[in-house]
C-alpha cells in the first residue's frame, strides 16, 4: 500500500532474524514497553506512584510526546551547560519531562527532586532493556513496502547491516 511503512530489525550477528510490522504497530509496542517501564520503576521507588495501568499508559504517552517536542528544544537551549557538565545535565532534562508528566496525569505522581532524577534514569534504563528484549535487539531501518517486481518506489531505500557496514 502506498504510504505504509514497514520496519525491519536485523541482528548484527550472523543470521538475519527479522520483524516486520506497520509503523503504527511498532509505535504502539514501544508505547506499551514504556508503560511497563513506568510501572516497574513505580514498584521500585516508593516516591513514584501509579494508580493503575491506564495512568501509566497515559504517562508514557505524555512522556513520549514531551520527548518528541519539548526535550530537543530544552536540550538545545541548555547545550552550553550540558557541554560543561559533560552531558550530566541531560539527567535533569529527563527529570523535568517526568515531573511535567506527573503534573499532567492525575493517577501518576512523583514526589521529590532526587526521586524524579533517579526515577527518570531508571525509566530510561528499564525502557532500554525492555526494548532490547521485545524489539529483537537489532538495528531499525524504515522503508516503504516493495512495489510490483521487487523494486522500491522513488526516494526509498532498504538498508541491511552486514558486519561493520550498512549495505
Foldseek 3Di string as FASTA:
>chain_A
DPPWKWKWFAALDDDGDTDIDTPVVVVVVLLVLLLVLLVVLCVVDVQKFAQDSVLSSQLSVQLVVCVVPVLVVVCVVCVVVCVVVVNPCSLVSLLVSSCVSQVVRPRIHGDDDVSSSVSSVSSVVSSVVVCCVPVVNGDIDMFHDADDPRHHDPPTDDWDNHNPDID
